[in-house]
Amino acid sequence: IRSENNKTSVFAASDRPNIIHASAGKINYSSVNLREVNYVCSFNIQSAPHALALATPLELKIGSIDGIQKLHIRKVPMGQLTRRLTFQSETNTFTVL
């Protein structure tokens, strides 16, 4: 995963997710305030560069990592399993299937 300041991080999805990154020659672990993240996918669009899609058993969350390695999310309750996420640039909309 690349943050806004172009640093590489690793998102460790589990029952206690973490973001792992290097700073000043040391490996740092930052806890993420989410539970049971099953899948994570990074994507870039004009309105949300360096964005992340995070899937839990019941929700799809869209977020990004800022320059100081904090995760910002917006909850979208789905009520069912999410299979696909698409973006239409002409209308600036997401579709969740």
PDB file of N, CA and C in Angstrom:
ATOM      1  N   ILE A   1       0.868  -1.178   0.000  1.00  0.00           N
ATOM      2  CA  ILE A   1       0.000   0.000   0.000  1.00  0.00           C
ATOM      3  C   ILE A   1       0.906   1.229   0.000  1.00  0.00           C
ATOM      4  N   ARG A   2       0.558   2.212  -0.790  1.00  0.00           N
ATOM      5  CA  ARG A   2       1.307   3.472  -0.799  1.00  0.00           C
ATOM      6  C   ARG A   2       0.468   4.575  -0.157  1.00  0.00           C
ATOM      7  N   SER A   3       1.089   5.335   0.734  1.00  0.00           N
ATOM      8  CA  SER A   3       0.396   6.445   1.385  1.00  0.00           C
ATOM      9  C   SER A   3       0.548   7.706   0.543  1.00  0.00           C
ATOM     10  N   GLU A   4      -0.066   8.804   0.983  1.00  0.00           N
ATOM     11  CA  GLU A   4      -0.012  10.060   0.249  1.00  0.00           C
ATOM     12  C   GLU A   4       1.413  10.562   0.058  1.00  0.00           C
ATOM     13  N   ASN A   5       2.303  10.290   1.022  1.00  0.00           N
ATOM     14  CA  ASN A   5       3.691  10.741   0.901  1.00  0.00           C
ATOM     15  C   ASN A   5       4.555   9.703   0.193  1.00  0.00           C
ATOM     16  N   ASN A   6       3.919   8.744  -0.495  1.00  0.00           N
ATOM     17  CA  ASN A   6       4.562   7.737  -1.344  1.00  0.00           C
ATOM     18  C   ASN A   6       5.417   6.731  -0.570  1.00  0.00           C
ATOM     19  N   LYS A   7       5.145   6.542   0.712  1.00  0.00           N
ATOM     20  CA  LYS A   7       5.825   5.511   1.484  1.00  0.00           C
ATOM     21  C   LYS A   7       5.058   4.204   1.365  1.00  0.00           C
ATOM     22  N   THR A   8       5.789   3.099   1.326  1.00  0.00           N
ATOM     23  CA  THR A   8       5.163   1.786   1.212  1.00  0.00           C
ATOM     24  C   THR A   8       4.855   1.226   2.588  1.00  0.00           C
ATOM     25  N   SER A   9       3.659   0.661   2.734  1.00  0.00           N
ATOM     26  CA  SER A   9       3.226   0.024   3.971  1.00  0.00           C
ATOM     27  C   SER A   9       2.615  -1.323   3.626  1.00  0.00           C
ATOM     28  N   VAL A  10       2.488  -2.176   4.635  1.00  0.00           N
ATOM     29  CA  VAL A  10       1.825  -3.464   4.481  1.00  0.00           C
ATOM     30  C   VAL A  10       0.618  -3.477   5.403  1.00  0.00           C
ATOM     31  N   PHE A  11      -0.546  -3.827   4.860  1.00  0.00           N
ATOM     32  CA  PHE A  11      -1.746  -3.972   5.685  1.00  0.00           C
ATOM     33  C   PHE A  11      -1.883  -5.441   6.040  1.00  0.00           C
ATOM     34  N   ALA A  12      -1.817  -5.763   7.321  1.00  0.00           N
ATOM     35  CA  ALA A  12      -1.953  -7.145   7.793  1.00  0.00           C
ATOM     36  C   ALA A  12      -3.390  -7.361   8.232  1.00  0.00           C
ATOM     37  N   ALA A  13      -4.181  -8.033   7.385  1.00  0.00           N
ATOM     38  CA  ALA A  13      -5.587  -8.284   7.669  1.00  0.00           C
ATOM     39  C   ALA A  13      -5.717  -9.491   8.590  1.00  0.00           C
ATOM     40  N   SER A  14      -6.449  -9.325   9.688  1.00  0.00           N
ATOM     41  CA  SER A  14      -6.666 -10.402  10.655  1.00  0.00           C
ATOM     42  C   SER A  14      -7.756  -9.950  11.617  1.00  0.00           C
ATOM     43  N   ASP A  15      -7.911 -10.683  12.739  1.00  0.00           N
ATOM     44  CA  ASP A  15      -8.874 -10.243  13.745  1.00  0.00           C
ATOM     45  C   ASP A  15      -8.361  -9.011  14.493  1.00  0.00           C
ATOM     46  N   ARG A  16      -7.069  -8.693  14.369  1.00  0.00           N
ATOM     47  CA  ARG A  16      -6.473  -7.473  14.931  1.00  0.00           C
ATOM     48  C   ARG A  16      -5.562  -6.860  13.868  1.00  0.00           C
ATOM     49  N   PRO A  17      -6.128  -6.183  12.868  1.00  0.00           N
ATOM     50  CA  PRO A  17      -5.337  -5.689  11.746  1.00  0.00           C
ATOM     51  C   PRO A  17      -4.306  -4.633  12.147  1.00  0.00           C
ATOM     52  N   ASN A  18      -3.216  -4.599  11.403  1.00  0.00           N
ATOM     53  CA  ASN A  18      -2.128  -3.649  11.619  1.00  0.00           C
ATOM     54  C   ASN A  18      -1.646  -3.108  10.289  1.00  0.00           C
ATOM     55  N   ILE A  19      -1.044  -1.927  10.340  1.00  0.00           N
ATOM     56  CA  ILE A  19      -0.307  -1.388   9.210  1.00  0.00           C
ATOM     57  C   ILE A  19       1.160  -1.437   9.617  1.00  0.00           C
ATOM     58  N   ILE A  20       1.974  -2.073   8.788  1.00  0.00           N
ATOM     59  CA  ILE A  20       3.396  -2.245   9.078  1.00  0.00           C
ATOM     60  C   ILE A  20       4.164  -1.350   8.116  1.00  0.00           C
ATOM     61  N   HIS A  21       5.056  -0.522   8.665  1.00  0.00           N
ATOM     62  CA  HIS A  21       5.833   0.391   7.824  1.00  0.00           C
ATOM     63  C   HIS A  21       7.189   0.645   8.467  1.00  0.00           C
ATOM     64  N   ALA A  22       8.111   1.149   7.677  1.00  0.00           N
ATOM     65  CA  ALA A  22       9.457   1.459   8.174  1.00  0.00           C
ATOM     66  C   ALA A  22       9.595   2.960   8.323  1.00  0.00           C
ATOM     67  N   SER A  23      10.268   3.366   9.400  1.00  0.00           N
ATOM     68  CA  SER A  23      10.528   4.773   9.639  1.00  0.00           C
ATOM     69  C   SER A  23      11.825   4.883  10.435  1.00  0.00           C
ATOM     70  N   ALA A  24      12.731   5.712   9.972  1.00  0.00           N
ATOM     71  CA  ALA A  24      14.022   5.927  10.632  1.00  0.00           C
ATOM     72  C   ALA A  24      14.772   4.615  10.840  1.00  0.00           C
ATOM     73  N   GLY A  25      14.689   3.720   9.864  1.00  0.00           N
ATOM     74  CA  GLY A  25      15.415   2.453   9.939  1.00  0.00           C
ATOM     75  C   GLY A  25      14.801   1.421  10.871  1.00  0.00           C
ATOM     76  N   LYS A  26      13.602   1.664  11.380  1.00  0.00           N
ATOM     77  CA  LYS A  26      12.922   0.723  12.276  1.00  0.00           C
ATOM     78  C   LYS A  26      11.592   0.304  11.675  1.00  0.00           C
ATOM     79  N   ILE A  27      11.166  -0.920  12.005  1.00  0.00           N
ATOM     80  CA  ILE A  27       9.853  -1.394  11.581  1.00  0.00           C
ATOM     81  C   ILE A  27       8.835  -0.995  12.640  1.00  0.00           C
ATOM     82  N   ASN A  28       7.764  -0.352  12.200  1.00  0.00           N
ATOM     83  CA  ASN A  28       6.713   0.106  13.109  1.00  0.00           C
ATOM     84  C   ASN A  28       5.405  -0.606  12.800  1.00  0.00           C
ATOM     85  N   TYR A  29       4.633  -0.885  13.842  1.00  0.00           N
ATOM     86  CA  TYR A  29       3.326  -1.520  13.732  1.00  0.00           C
ATOM     87  C   TYR A  29       2.291  -0.540  14.246  1.00  0.00           C
ATOM     88  N   SER A  30       1.337  -0.173  13.407  1.00  0.00           N
ATOM     89  CA  SER A  30       0.265   0.721  13.811  1.00  0.00           C
ATOM     90  C   SER A  30      -1.043  -0.052  13.836  1.00  0.00           C
ATOM     91  N   SER A  31      -1.690  -0.082  14.987  1.00  0.00           N
ATOM     92  CA  SER A  31      -2.978  -0.773  15.095  1.00  0.00           C
ATOM     93  C   SER A  31      -4.036  -0.051  14.294  1.00  0.00           C
ATOM     94  N   VAL A  32      -4.932  -0.822  13.718  1.00  0.00           N
ATOM     95  CA  VAL A  32      -6.051  -0.276  12.962  1.00  0.00           C
ATOM     96  C   VAL A  32      -7.304  -0.534  13.788  1.00  0.00           C
ATOM     97  N   ASN A  33      -8.142   0.471  13.887  1.00  0.00           N
ATOM     98  CA  ASN A  33      -9.321   0.386  14.731  1.00  0.00           C
ATOM     99  C   ASN A  33     -10.481  -0.310  14.034  1.00  0.00           C
ATOM    100  N   LEU A  34     -10.221  -1.428  13.410  1.00  0.00           N
ATOM    101  CA  LEU A  34     -11.235  -2.231  12.743  1.00  0.00           C
ATOM    102  C   LEU A  34     -11.108  -3.653  13.236  1.00  0.00           C
ATOM    103  N   ARG A  35     -12.177  -4.387  13.205  1.00  0.00           N
ATOM    104  CA  ARG A  35     -12.151  -5.797  13.592  1.00  0.00           C
ATOM    105  C   ARG A  35     -12.489  -6.662  12.395  1.00  0.00           C
ATOM    106  N   GLU A  36     -11.884  -7.814  12.339  1.00  0.00           N
ATOM    107  CA  GLU A  36     -12.204  -8.845  11.350  1.00  0.00           C
ATOM    108  C   GLU A  36     -12.171  -8.355   9.909  1.00  0.00           C
ATOM    109  N   VAL A  37     -11.087  -7.741   9.500  1.00  0.00           N
ATOM    110  CA  VAL A  37     -10.920  -7.382   8.094  1.00  0.00           C
ATOM    111  C   VAL A  37     -10.529  -8.646   7.345  1.00  0.00           C
ATOM    112  N   ASN A  38     -11.352  -9.036   6.361  1.00  0.00           N
ATOM    113  CA  ASN A  38     -11.089 -10.260   5.600  1.00  0.00           C
ATOM    114  C   ASN A  38     -10.284  -9.993   4.336  1.00  0.00           C
ATOM    115  N   TYR A  39     -10.562  -8.871   3.677  1.00  0.00           N
ATOM    116  CA  TYR A  39      -9.904  -8.562   2.410  1.00  0.00           C
ATOM    117  C   TYR A  39      -9.589  -7.076   2.353  1.00  0.00           C
ATOM    118  N   VAL A  40      -8.501  -6.741   1.674  1.00  0.00           N
ATOM    119  CA  VAL A  40      -8.146  -5.337   1.447  1.00  0.00           C
ATOM    120  C   VAL A  40      -7.603  -5.220   0.026  1.00  0.00           C
ATOM    121  N   CYS A  41      -7.946  -4.117  -0.620  1.00  0.00           N
ATOM    122  CA  CYS A  41      -7.501  -3.881  -1.988  1.00  0.00           C
ATOM    123  C   CYS A  41      -7.229  -2.388  -2.140  1.00  0.00           C
ATOM    124  N   SER A  42      -6.096  -2.039  -2.711  1.00  0.00           N
ATOM    125  CA  SER A  42      -5.807  -0.627  -2.958  1.00  0.00           C
ATOM    126  C   SER A  42      -6.249  -0.265  -4.372  1.00  0.00           C
ATOM    127  N   PHE A  43      -6.626   0.997  -4.559  1.00  0.00           N
ATOM    128  CA  PHE A  43      -6.994   1.486  -5.883  1.00  0.00           C
ATOM    129  C   PHE A  43      -6.776   2.987  -5.926  1.00  0.00           C
ATOM    130  N   ASN A  44      -6.618   3.510  -7.133  1.00  0.00           N
ATOM    131  CA  ASN A  44      -6.386   4.939  -7.335  1.00  0.00           C
ATOM    132  C   ASN A  44      -7.406   5.484  -8.318  1.00  0.00           C
ATOM    133  N   ILE A  45      -8.108   6.515  -7.889  1.00  0.00           N
ATOM    134  CA  ILE A  45      -8.991   7.259  -8.774  1.00  0.00           C
ATOM    135  C   ILE A  45      -8.753   8.733  -8.491  1.00  0.00           C
ATOM    136  N   GLN A  46      -9.163   9.584  -9.393  1.00  0.00           N
ATOM    137  CA  GLN A  46      -8.884  11.010  -9.243  1.00  0.00           C
ATOM    138  C   GLN A  46      -9.451  11.581  -7.946  1.00  0.00           C
ATOM    139  N   SER A  47     -10.655  11.187  -7.572  1.00  0.00           N
ATOM    140  CA  SER A  47     -11.277  11.738  -6.370  1.00  0.00           C
ATOM    141  C   SER A  47     -10.777  11.088  -5.080  1.00  0.00           C
ATOM    142  N   ALA A  48     -10.091   9.950  -5.186  1.00  0.00           N
ATOM    143  CA  ALA A  48      -9.576   9.270  -3.993  1.00  0.00           C
ATOM    144  C   ALA A  48      -8.266   8.547  -4.329  1.00  0.00           C
ATOM    145  N   PRO A  49      -7.168   9.313  -4.488  1.00  0.00           N
ATOM    146  CA  PRO A  49      -5.892   8.647  -4.769  1.00  0.00           C
ATOM    147  C   PRO A  49      -5.422   7.859  -3.554  1.00  0.00           C
ATOM    148  N   HIS A  50      -4.764   6.744  -3.785  1.00  0.00           N
ATOM    149  CA  HIS A  50      -4.239   5.884  -2.721  1.00  0.00           C
ATOM    150  C   HIS A  50      -5.338   5.389  -1.790  1.00  0.00           C
ATOM    151  N   ALA A  51      -6.498   5.060  -2.343  1.00  0.00           N
ATOM    152  CA  ALA A  51      -7.627   4.600  -1.540  1.00  0.00           C
ATOM    153  C   ALA A  51      -7.530   3.101  -1.261  1.00  0.00           C
ATOM    154  N   LEU A  52      -8.253   2.672  -0.233  1.00  0.00           N
ATOM    155  CA  LEU A  52      -8.326   1.261   0.141  1.00  0.00           C
ATOM    156  C   LEU A  52      -9.782   0.841   0.226  1.00  0.00           C
ATOM    157  N   ALA A  53     -10.072  -0.362  -0.212  1.00  0.00           N
ATOM    158  CA  ALA A  53     -11.367  -0.986   0.011  1.00  0.00           C
ATOM    159  C   ALA A  53     -11.125  -2.105   1.011  1.00  0.00           C
ATOM    160  N   LEU A  54     -11.798  -2.063   2.159  1.00  0.00           N
ATOM    161  CA  LEU A  54     -11.625  -3.061   3.212  1.00  0.00           C
ATOM    162  C   LEU A  54     -12.940  -3.778   3.430  1.00  0.00           C
ATOM    163  N   ALA A  55     -12.925  -5.093   3.380  1.00  0.00           N
ATOM    164  CA  ALA A  55     -14.153  -5.873   3.526  1.00  0.00           C
ATOM    165  C   ALA A  55     -14.131  -6.645   4.833  1.00  0.00           C
ATOM    166  N   THR A  56     -15.196  -6.481   5.609  1.00  0.00           N
ATOM    167  CA  THR A  56     -15.422  -7.278   6.810  1.00  0.00           C
ATOM    168  C   THR A  56     -16.561  -8.236   6.470  1.00  0.00           C
ATOM    169  N   PRO A  57     -16.937  -9.141   7.365  1.00  0.00           N
ATOM    170  CA  PRO A  57     -18.045 -10.039   7.040  1.00  0.00           C
ATOM    171  C   PRO A  57     -19.359  -9.324   6.716  1.00  0.00           C
ATOM    172  N   LEU A  58     -19.573  -8.112   7.254  1.00  0.00           N
ATOM    173  CA  LEU A  58     -20.851  -7.421   7.053  1.00  0.00           C
ATOM    174  C   LEU A  58     -20.748  -6.066   6.375  1.00  0.00           C
ATOM    175  N   GLU A  59     -19.542  -5.527   6.176  1.00  0.00           N
ATOM    176  CA  GLU A  59     -19.417  -4.168   5.675  1.00  0.00           C
ATOM    177  C   GLU A  59     -18.300  -4.052   4.646  1.00  0.00           C
ATOM    178  N   LEU A  60     -18.447  -3.069   3.786  1.00  0.00           N
ATOM    179  CA  LEU A  60     -17.377  -2.643   2.897  1.00  0.00           C
ATOM    180  C   LEU A  60     -16.993  -1.248   3.339  1.00  0.00           C
ATOM    181  N   LYS A  61     -15.723  -1.023   3.601  1.00  0.00           N
ATOM    182  CA  LYS A  61     -15.255   0.271   4.069  1.00  0.00           C
ATOM    183  C   LYS A  61     -14.252   0.816   3.069  1.00  0.00           C
ATOM    184  N   ILE A  62     -14.389   2.091   2.754  1.00  0.00           N
ATOM    185  CA  ILE A  62     -13.481   2.772   1.849  1.00  0.00           C
ATOM    186  C   ILE A  62     -12.651   3.724   2.688  1.00  0.00           C
ATOM    187  N   GLY A  63     -11.338   3.708   2.495  1.00  0.00           N
ATOM    188  CA  GLY A  63     -10.487   4.558   3.304  1.00  0.00           C
ATOM    189  C   GLY A  63      -9.188   4.878   2.602  1.00  0.00           C
ATOM    190  N   SER A  64      -8.322   5.595   3.306  1.00  0.00           N
ATOM    191  CA  SER A  64      -6.993   5.911   2.804  1.00  0.00           C
ATOM    192  C   SER A  64      -6.057   6.086   3.989  1.00  0.00           C
ATOM    193  N   ILE A  65      -4.771   5.992   3.723  1.00  0.00           N
ATOM    194  CA  ILE A  65      -3.763   6.203   4.758  1.00  0.00           C
ATOM    195  C   ILE A  65      -3.154   7.568   4.516  1.00  0.00           C
ATOM    196  N   ASP A  66      -3.141   8.412   5.528  1.00  0.00           N
ATOM    197  CA  ASP A  66      -2.582   9.744   5.335  1.00  0.00           C
ATOM    198  C   ASP A  66      -1.062   9.718   5.512  1.00  0.00           C
ATOM    199  N   GLY A  67      -0.450  10.854   5.390  1.00  0.00           N
ATOM    200  CA  GLY A  67       1.002  10.960   5.429  1.00  0.00           C
ATOM    201  C   GLY A  67       1.636  10.535   6.738  1.00  0.00           C
ATOM    202  N   ILE A  68       0.884  10.512   7.826  1.00  0.00           N
ATOM    203  CA  ILE A  68       1.460  10.079   9.096  1.00  0.00           C
ATOM    204  C   ILE A  68       0.962   8.694   9.490  1.00  0.00           C
ATOM    205  N   GLN A  69       0.550   7.923   8.475  1.00  0.00           N
ATOM    206  CA  GLN A  69       0.186   6.511   8.609  1.00  0.00           C
ATOM    207  C   GLN A  69      -1.058   6.279   9.468  1.00  0.00           C
ATOM    208  N   LYS A  70      -2.031   7.154   9.401  1.00  0.00           N
ATOM    209  CA  LYS A  70      -3.312   6.921  10.066  1.00  0.00           C
ATOM    210  C   LYS A  70      -4.320   6.485   9.023  1.00  0.00           C
ATOM    211  N   LEU A  71      -5.198   5.572   9.402  1.00  0.00           N
ATOM    212  CA  LEU A  71      -6.205   5.058   8.486  1.00  0.00           C
ATOM    213  C   LEU A  71      -7.507   5.813   8.703  1.00  0.00           C
ATOM    214  N   HIS A  72      -8.056   6.383   7.622  1.00  0.00           N
ATOM    215  CA  HIS A  72      -9.337   7.086   7.670  1.00  0.00           C
ATOM    216  C   HIS A  72     -10.341   6.259   6.892  1.00  0.00           C
ATOM    217  N   ILE A  73     -11.486   5.978   7.508  1.00  0.00           N
ATOM    218  CA  ILE A  73     -12.481   5.130   6.851  1.00  0.00           C
ATOM    219  C   ILE A  73     -13.853   5.777   6.865  1.00  0.00           C
ATOM    220  N   ARG A  74     -14.706   5.302   5.974  1.00  0.00           N
ATOM    221  CA  ARG A  74     -16.112   5.676   5.958  1.00  0.00           C
ATOM    222  C   ARG A  74     -16.901   4.391   5.848  1.00  0.00           C
ATOM    223  N   LYS A  75     -17.786   4.119   6.815  1.00  0.00           N
ATOM    224  CA  LYS A  75     -18.569   2.887   6.838  1.00  0.00           C
ATOM    225  C   LYS A  75     -19.725   2.946   5.857  1.00  0.00           C
ATOM    226  N   VAL A  76     -19.939   1.813   5.192  1.00  0.00           N
ATOM    227  CA  VAL A  76     -21.089   1.640   4.316  1.00  0.00           C
ATOM    228  C   VAL A  76     -21.681   0.273   4.653  1.00  0.00           C
ATOM    229  N   PRO A  77     -22.693   0.196   5.535  1.00  0.00           N
ATOM    230  CA  PRO A  77     -23.277  -1.107   5.882  1.00  0.00           C
ATOM    231  C   PRO A  77     -23.904  -1.760   4.648  1.00  0.00           C
ATOM    232  N   MET A  78     -23.559  -3.009   4.399  1.00  0.00           N
ATOM    233  CA  MET A  78     -24.044  -3.696   3.213  1.00  0.00           C
ATOM    234  C   MET A  78     -25.156  -4.687   3.534  1.00  0.00           C
ATOM    235  N   GLY A  79     -25.092  -5.350   4.669  1.00  0.00           N
ATOM    236  CA  GLY A  79     -26.119  -6.311   5.028  1.00  0.00           C
ATOM    237  C   GLY A  79     -25.995  -7.647   4.318  1.00  0.00           C
ATOM    238  N   GLN A  80     -25.043  -7.762   3.426  1.00  0.00           N
ATOM    239  CA  GLN A  80     -24.801  -9.021   2.711  1.00  0.00           C
ATOM    240  C   GLN A  80     -23.361  -9.023   2.220  1.00  0.00           C
ATOM    241  N   LEU A  81     -22.920 -10.163   1.716  1.00  0.00           N
ATOM    242  CA  LEU A  81     -21.559 -10.308   1.232  1.00  0.00           C
ATOM    243  C   LEU A  81     -21.349  -9.471  -0.027  1.00  0.00           C
ATOM    244  N   THR A  82     -20.288  -8.677  -0.052  1.00  0.00           N
ATOM    245  CA  THR A  82     -19.949  -7.864  -1.203  1.00  0.00           C
ATOM    246  C   THR A  82     -19.007  -8.652  -2.108  1.00  0.00           C
ATOM    247  N   ARG A  83     -19.305  -8.685  -3.396  1.00  0.00           N
ATOM    248  CA  ARG A  83     -18.505  -9.471  -4.341  1.00  0.00           C
ATOM    249  C   ARG A  83     -17.653  -8.605  -5.263  1.00  0.00           C
ATOM    250  N   ARG A  84     -18.133  -7.418  -5.632  1.00  0.00           N
ATOM    251  CA  ARG A  84     -17.398  -6.570  -6.564  1.00  0.00           C
ATOM    252  C   ARG A  84     -17.589  -5.098  -6.211  1.00  0.00           C
ATOM    253  N   LEU A  85     -16.568  -4.316  -6.542  1.00  0.00           N
ATOM    254  CA  LEU A  85     -16.619  -2.866  -6.402  1.00  0.00           C
ATOM    255  C   LEU A  85     -16.145  -2.282  -7.725  1.00  0.00           C
ATOM    256  N   THR A  86     -16.954  -1.427  -8.335  1.00  0.00           N
ATOM    257  CA  THR A  86     -16.575  -0.779  -9.587  1.00  0.00           C
ATOM    258  C   THR A  86     -16.736   0.723  -9.447  1.00  0.00           C
ATOM    259  N   PHE A  87     -16.036   1.467 -10.293  1.00  0.00           N
ATOM    260  CA  PHE A  87     -16.111   2.928 -10.286  1.00  0.00           C
ATOM    261  C   PHE A  87     -16.367   3.412 -11.691  1.00  0.00           C
ATOM    262  N   GLN A  88     -17.330   4.322 -11.840  1.00  0.00           N
ATOM    263  CA  GLN A  88     -17.629   4.916 -13.131  1.00  0.00           C
ATOM    264  C   GLN A  88     -17.169   6.364 -13.100  1.00  0.00           C
ATOM    265  N   SER A  89     -16.134   6.675 -13.873  1.00  0.00           N
ATOM    266  CA  SER A  89     -15.531   8.009 -13.829  1.00  0.00           C
ATOM    267  C   SER A  89     -16.452   9.094 -14.399  1.00  0.00           C
ATOM    268  N   GLU A  90     -17.299   8.752 -15.379  1.00  0.00           N
ATOM    269  CA  GLU A  90     -18.179   9.759 -15.975  1.00  0.00           C
ATOM    270  C   GLU A  90     -19.148  10.357 -14.957  1.00  0.00           C
ATOM    271  N   THR A  91     -19.652   9.529 -14.048  1.00  0.00           N
ATOM    272  CA  THR A  91     -20.614  10.005 -13.049  1.00  0.00           C
ATOM    273  C   THR A  91     -20.011  10.106 -11.650  1.00  0.00           C
ATOM    274  N   ASN A  92     -18.729   9.720 -11.519  1.00  0.00           N
ATOM    275  CA  ASN A  92     -18.024   9.768 -10.243  1.00  0.00           C
ATOM    276  C   ASN A  92     -18.757   8.952  -9.165  1.00  0.00           C
ATOM    277  N   THR A  93     -19.190   7.734  -9.549  1.00  0.00           N
ATOM    278  CA  THR A  93     -19.955   6.879  -8.638  1.00  0.00           C
ATOM    279  C   THR A  93     -19.324   5.497  -8.508  1.00  0.00           C
ATOM    280  N   PHE A  94     -19.582   4.867  -7.369  1.00  0.00           N
ATOM    281  CA  PHE A  94     -19.179   3.485  -7.114  1.00  0.00           C
ATOM    282  C   PHE A  94     -20.393   2.585  -7.257  1.00  0.00           C
ATOM    283  N   THR A  95     -20.150   1.356  -7.673  1.00  0.00           N
ATOM    284  CA  THR A  95     -21.177   0.329  -7.687  1.00  0.00           C
ATOM    285  C   THR A  95     -20.671  -0.831  -6.854  1.00  0.00           C
ATOM    286  N   VAL A  96     -21.511  -1.310  -5.946  1.00  0.00           N
ATOM    287  CA  VAL A  96     -21.156  -2.435  -5.099  1.00  0.00           C
ATOM    288  C   VAL A  96     -22.093  -3.584  -5.434  1.00  0.00           C
ATOM    289  N   LEU A  97     -21.525  -4.710  -5.813  1.00  0.00           N
ATOM    290  CA  LEU A  97     -22.321  -5.890  -6.168  1.00  0.00           C
ATOM    291  C   LEU A  97     -22.117  -6.984  -5.151  1.00  0.00           C
TER     292      LEU A  97
END
